Amino acid sequence: MDRSLKQLNSESVPYIKVDSLSKIADIILLDTREKAEYDVSHLKNAIWVGYNEFEIDSVLNKIPNAKSKIVVYCSIGVRSEDVGEKLQKAGYSNISNLYGGIFEWKNEGKLVYDTLGNETEQVHAYNKNWGKLLTAGEKVYNKKKAKNKRKVIINN
């Protein structure tokens, strides 16, 4: 994943690797994907803030302490960098971007959760191009189909 991320991100928001994040307690996770992606699965206790729907005022209300440890993530780390930059501009000083996003998290065998808080193997793969970077779990491309158990899955 190194090559594709270096071409797409400027690293304006410092990366945090999966193994480092999994060892840190007392951190706020912000999921910057679309709601349909979040609803399929997300990191435990992550707060959905969206990407196109992202509103800084909502974050300011939820996280008033600008020194809070915050990690943003998306599918691979591109959209989350954009949101991280907006947080930095709003005065948040302790922002990290999960390197490789939820795809890397799942690829490294970490758990993801559905909207009911249950562990799931499903991960919204965004689209078939980016979905190639997800090598673990069940790739879901359409939330409605996944909900009806007629999920679209590509096994590698």
C-alpha atoms as a PDB file:
ATOM      1  CA  MET A   1       0.000   0.000   0.000  1.00  0.00           C
ATOM      2  CA  ASP A   2       3.006   2.308   0.452  1.00  0.00           C
ATOM      3  CA  ARG A   3       3.293   3.357  -3.172  1.00  0.00           C
ATOM      4  CA  SER A   4      -0.340   4.285  -3.731  1.00  0.00           C
ATOM      5  CA  LEU A   5      -0.626   6.324  -0.533  1.00  0.00           C
ATOM      6  CA  LYS A   6       2.555   8.274  -1.115  1.00  0.00           C
ATOM      7  CA  GLN A   7       1.179   9.326  -4.503  1.00  0.00           C
ATOM      8  CA  LEU A   8      -2.179  10.419  -3.060  1.00  0.00           C
ATOM      9  CA  ASN A   9      -1.286  11.967   0.307  1.00  0.00           C
ATOM     10  CA  SER A  10       0.966  14.836   1.222  1.00  0.00           C
ATOM     11  CA  GLU A  11       1.364  13.562   4.811  1.00  0.00           C
ATOM     12  CA  SER A  12       0.164  16.937   6.083  1.00  0.00           C
ATOM     13  CA  VAL A  13      -1.488  14.916   8.852  1.00  0.00           C
ATOM     14  CA  PRO A  14       1.063  12.574  10.454  1.00  0.00           C
ATOM     15  CA  TYR A  15       0.446   8.881   9.966  1.00  0.00           C
ATOM     16  CA  ILE A  16      -0.067   6.401  12.756  1.00  0.00           C
ATOM     17  CA  LYS A  17       0.435   2.735  11.896  1.00  0.00           C
ATOM     18  CA  VAL A  18      -2.045   0.012  12.816  1.00  0.00           C
ATOM     19  CA  ASP A  19       0.272  -1.652  15.354  1.00  0.00           C
ATOM     20  CA  SER A  20       0.881   1.668  17.140  1.00  0.00           C
ATOM     21  CA  LEU A  21      -2.805   2.596  17.236  1.00  0.00           C
ATOM     22  CA  SER A  22      -3.825  -0.774  18.616  1.00  0.00           C
ATOM     23  CA  LYS A  23      -1.587  -0.143  21.669  1.00  0.00           C
ATOM     24  CA  ILE A  24      -2.940   3.308  22.543  1.00  0.00           C
ATOM     25  CA  ALA A  25      -5.777   3.875  24.979  1.00  0.00           C
ATOM     26  CA  ASP A  26      -7.756   7.075  25.467  1.00  0.00           C
ATOM     27  CA  ILE A  27      -7.924   8.074  21.839  1.00  0.00           C
ATOM     28  CA  ILE A  28     -10.817   9.416  19.781  1.00  0.00           C
ATOM     29  CA  LEU A  29     -11.410   7.700  16.447  1.00  0.00           C
ATOM     30  CA  LEU A  30     -13.170   9.620  13.688  1.00  0.00           C
ATOM     31  CA  ASP A  31     -14.482   7.701  10.686  1.00  0.00           C
ATOM     32  CA  THR A  32     -14.400   9.988   7.662  1.00  0.00           C
ATOM     33  CA  ARG A  33     -16.061   7.643   5.181  1.00  0.00           C
ATOM     34  CA  GLU A  34     -19.597   7.900   3.869  1.00  0.00           C
ATOM     35  CA  LYS A  35     -22.386   6.736   6.195  1.00  0.00           C
ATOM     36  CA  ALA A  36     -23.085   3.615   4.107  1.00  0.00           C
ATOM     37  CA  GLU A  37     -19.435   2.560   4.515  1.00  0.00           C
ATOM     38  CA  TYR A  38     -19.491   3.197   8.274  1.00  0.00           C
ATOM     39  CA  ASP A  39     -22.742   1.256   8.639  1.00  0.00           C
ATOM     40  CA  VAL A  40     -21.148  -1.883   7.145  1.00  0.00           C
ATOM     41  CA  SER A  41     -18.287  -1.767   9.656  1.00  0.00           C
ATOM     42  CA  HIS A  42     -15.985   0.561  11.535  1.00  0.00           C
ATOM     43  CA  LEU A  43     -13.333   0.533  14.241  1.00  0.00           C
ATOM     44  CA  LYS A  44     -14.635   0.016  17.754  1.00  0.00           C
ATOM     45  CA  ASN A  45     -16.053   3.195  19.323  1.00  0.00           C
ATOM     46  CA  ALA A  46     -15.371   5.251  16.182  1.00  0.00           C
ATOM     47  CA  ILE A  47     -17.465   8.374  15.706  1.00  0.00           C
ATOM     48  CA  TRP A  48     -18.804   8.884  12.204  1.00  0.00           C
ATOM     49  CA  VAL A  49     -18.090  12.379  10.891  1.00  0.00           C
ATOM     50  CA  GLY A  50     -18.319  11.691   7.165  1.00  0.00           C
ATOM     51  CA  TYR A  51     -16.458  13.225   4.293  1.00  0.00           C
ATOM     52  CA  ASN A  52     -18.880  15.074   2.025  1.00  0.00           C
ATOM     53  CA  GLU A  53     -21.114  15.615   5.070  1.00  0.00           C
ATOM     54  CA  PHE A  54     -18.251  16.641   7.388  1.00  0.00           C
ATOM     55  CA  GLU A  55     -19.061  19.673   9.519  1.00  0.00           C
ATOM     56  CA  ILE A  56     -16.396  21.148  11.767  1.00  0.00           C
ATOM     57  CA  ASP A  57     -19.040  22.603  14.121  1.00  0.00           C
ATOM     58  CA  SER A  58     -20.296  19.103  14.877  1.00  0.00           C
ATOM     59  CA  VAL A  59     -16.777  17.997  15.851  1.00  0.00           C
ATOM     60  CA  LEU A  60     -16.224  21.137  17.926  1.00  0.00           C
ATOM     61  CA  ASN A  61     -19.375  20.276  19.891  1.00  0.00           C
ATOM     62  CA  LYS A  62     -18.429  16.604  20.354  1.00  0.00           C
ATOM     63  CA  ILE A  63     -14.729  17.222  21.063  1.00  0.00           C
ATOM     64  CA  PRO A  64     -14.285  20.625  22.714  1.00  0.00           C
ATOM     65  CA  ASN A  65     -10.699  19.927  23.842  1.00  0.00           C
ATOM     66  CA  ALA A  66      -8.462  20.839  20.884  1.00  0.00           C
ATOM     67  CA  LYS A  67      -5.589  18.873  22.478  1.00  0.00           C
ATOM     68  CA  SER A  68      -7.510  15.566  22.462  1.00  0.00           C
ATOM     69  CA  LYS A  69      -5.712  12.642  20.822  1.00  0.00           C
ATOM     70  CA  ILE A  70      -7.638  12.102  17.592  1.00  0.00           C
ATOM     71  CA  VAL A  71      -7.091   9.549  14.841  1.00  0.00           C
ATOM     72  CA  VAL A  72      -8.941  10.008  11.563  1.00  0.00           C
ATOM     73  CA  TYR A  73      -9.408   7.149   9.126  1.00  0.00           C
ATOM     74  CA  CYS A  74     -11.205   6.211   5.926  1.00  0.00           C
ATOM     75  CA  SER A  75     -10.743   3.297   3.512  1.00  0.00           C
ATOM     76  CA  ILE A  76      -7.057   3.885   2.774  1.00  0.00           C
ATOM     77  CA  GLY A  77      -6.189   7.271   4.275  1.00  0.00           C
ATOM     78  CA  VAL A  78      -6.865   9.828   1.553  1.00  0.00           C
ATOM     79  CA  ARG A  79     -10.225  11.263   2.611  1.00  0.00           C
ATOM     80  CA  SER A  80      -9.154  11.153   6.246  1.00  0.00           C
ATOM     81  CA  GLU A  81      -6.125  13.317   5.471  1.00  0.00           C
ATOM     82  CA  ASP A  82      -8.468  15.962   4.042  1.00  0.00           C
ATOM     83  CA  VAL A  83     -10.632  15.884   7.179  1.00  0.00           C
ATOM     84  CA  GLY A  84      -7.518  15.894   9.369  1.00  0.00           C
ATOM     85  CA  GLU A  85      -6.357  19.083   7.631  1.00  0.00           C
ATOM     86  CA  LYS A  86      -9.726  20.715   8.396  1.00  0.00           C
ATOM     87  CA  LEU A  87      -9.356  19.706  12.049  1.00  0.00           C
ATOM     88  CA  GLN A  88      -5.847  21.171  12.152  1.00  0.00           C
ATOM     89  CA  LYS A  89      -7.120  24.442  10.669  1.00  0.00           C
ATOM     90  CA  ALA A  90      -9.806  24.506  13.391  1.00  0.00           C
ATOM     91  CA  GLY A  91      -7.078  24.330  16.060  1.00  0.00           C
ATOM     92  CA  TYR A  92      -6.836  20.633  16.865  1.00  0.00           C
ATOM     93  CA  SER A  93      -3.189  19.904  17.534  1.00  0.00           C
ATOM     94  CA  ASN A  94      -2.999  16.155  18.168  1.00  0.00           C
ATOM     95  CA  ILE A  95      -4.361  14.622  14.941  1.00  0.00           C
ATOM     96  CA  SER A  96      -3.061  11.455  13.290  1.00  0.00           C
ATOM     97  CA  ASN A  97      -4.174   9.691  10.120  1.00  0.00           C
ATOM     98  CA  LEU A  98      -4.433   5.892  10.255  1.00  0.00           C
ATOM     99  CA  TYR A  99      -1.989   4.657   7.648  1.00  0.00           C
ATOM    100  CA  GLY A 100      -3.835   2.464   5.147  1.00  0.00           C
ATOM    101  CA  GLY A 101      -7.174   3.171   6.826  1.00  0.00           C
ATOM    102  CA  ILE A 102      -9.698   0.515   7.716  1.00  0.00           C
ATOM    103  CA  PHE A 103      -8.359  -1.655   4.865  1.00  0.00           C
ATOM    104  CA  GLU A 104      -4.931  -1.911   6.492  1.00  0.00           C
ATOM    105  CA  TRP A 105      -6.565  -2.361   9.915  1.00  0.00           C
ATOM    106  CA  LYS A 106      -8.519  -5.371   8.637  1.00  0.00           C
ATOM    107  CA  ASN A 107      -5.609  -6.669   6.541  1.00  0.00           C
ATOM    108  CA  GLU A 108      -3.580  -6.863   9.755  1.00  0.00           C
ATOM    109  CA  GLY A 109      -6.247  -8.997  11.408  1.00  0.00           C
ATOM    110  CA  LYS A 110      -7.829  -6.347  13.615  1.00  0.00           C
ATOM    111  CA  LEU A 111     -11.527  -6.400  14.481  1.00  0.00           C
ATOM    112  CA  VAL A 112     -14.234  -4.249  12.934  1.00  0.00           C
ATOM    113  CA  TYR A 113     -17.789  -3.783  14.165  1.00  0.00           C
ATOM    114  CA  ASP A 114     -21.239  -3.278  12.682  1.00  0.00           C
ATOM    115  CA  THR A 115     -23.768  -0.663  13.801  1.00  0.00           C
ATOM    116  CA  LEU A 116     -25.027  -2.973  16.571  1.00  0.00           C
ATOM    117  CA  GLY A 117     -21.523  -3.291  18.017  1.00  0.00           C
ATOM    118  CA  ASN A 118     -21.069  -6.874  16.829  1.00  0.00           C
ATOM    119  CA  GLU A 119     -17.818  -8.084  15.309  1.00  0.00           C
ATOM    120  CA  THR A 120     -18.096  -8.551  11.554  1.00  0.00           C
ATOM    121  CA  GLU A 121     -15.898  -9.653   8.702  1.00  0.00           C
ATOM    122  CA  GLN A 122     -17.599  -7.245   6.309  1.00  0.00           C
ATOM    123  CA  VAL A 123     -15.797  -4.119   5.147  1.00  0.00           C
ATOM    124  CA  HIS A 124     -17.187  -1.681   2.612  1.00  0.00           C
ATOM    125  CA  ALA A 125     -14.587  -1.795  -0.150  1.00  0.00           C
ATOM    126  CA  TYR A 126     -15.545   1.631  -1.584  1.00  0.00           C
ATOM    127  CA  ASN A 127     -15.177   0.538  -5.201  1.00  0.00           C
ATOM    128  CA  LYS A 128     -13.591  -2.335  -7.112  1.00  0.00           C
ATOM    129  CA  ASN A 129     -10.433  -0.366  -7.875  1.00  0.00           C
ATOM    130  CA  TRP A 130      -9.667   0.561  -4.248  1.00  0.00           C
ATOM    131  CA  GLY A 131     -11.149  -2.712  -3.022  1.00  0.00           C
ATOM    132  CA  LYS A 132      -8.104  -4.509  -4.441  1.00  0.00           C
ATOM    133  CA  LEU A 133      -6.165  -3.111  -1.470  1.00  0.00           C
ATOM    134  CA  LEU A 134      -8.436  -4.938   0.982  1.00  0.00           C
ATOM    135  CA  THR A 135      -7.051  -8.463   1.252  1.00  0.00           C
ATOM    136  CA  ALA A 136      -8.882  -9.680   4.372  1.00  0.00           C
ATOM    137  CA  GLY A 137     -12.516  -9.930   5.391  1.00  0.00           C
ATOM    138  CA  GLU A 138     -15.586  -9.814   3.170  1.00  0.00           C
ATOM    139  CA  LYS A 139     -15.695  -7.026   0.613  1.00  0.00           C
ATOM    140  CA  VAL A 140     -19.050  -5.291   0.468  1.00  0.00           C
ATOM    141  CA  TYR A 141     -19.838  -2.839  -2.299  1.00  0.00           C
ATOM    142  CA  ASN A 142     -23.516  -2.205  -1.667  1.00  0.00           C
ATOM    143  CA  LYS A 143     -24.845  -1.768   1.855  1.00  0.00           C
ATOM    144  CA  LYS A 144     -28.444  -2.630   0.960  1.00  0.00           C
ATOM    145  CA  LYS A 145     -27.367  -5.926  -0.531  1.00  0.00           C
ATOM    146  CA  ALA A 146     -25.244  -6.662   2.543  1.00  0.00           C
ATOM    147  CA  LYS A 147     -28.175  -5.883   4.822  1.00  0.00           C
ATOM    148  CA  ASN A 148     -30.358  -8.310   2.879  1.00  0.00           C
ATOM    149  CA  LYS A 149     -27.598 -10.916   3.073  1.00  0.00           C
ATOM    150  CA  ARG A 150     -27.162 -10.820  -0.692  1.00  0.00           C
ATOM    151  CA  LYS A 151     -23.823  -9.160  -0.308  1.00  0.00           C
ATOM    152  CA  VAL A 152     -21.434  -8.658  -3.153  1.00  0.00           C
ATOM    153  CA  ILE A 153     -18.219 -10.374  -2.106  1.00  0.00           C
ATOM    154  CA  ILE A 154     -15.010 -10.864  -3.984  1.00  0.00           C
ATOM    155  CA  ASN A 155     -12.666 -13.391  -2.468  1.00  0.00           C
ATOM    156  CA  ASN A 156      -9.037 -13.019  -3.363  1.00  0.00           C
END
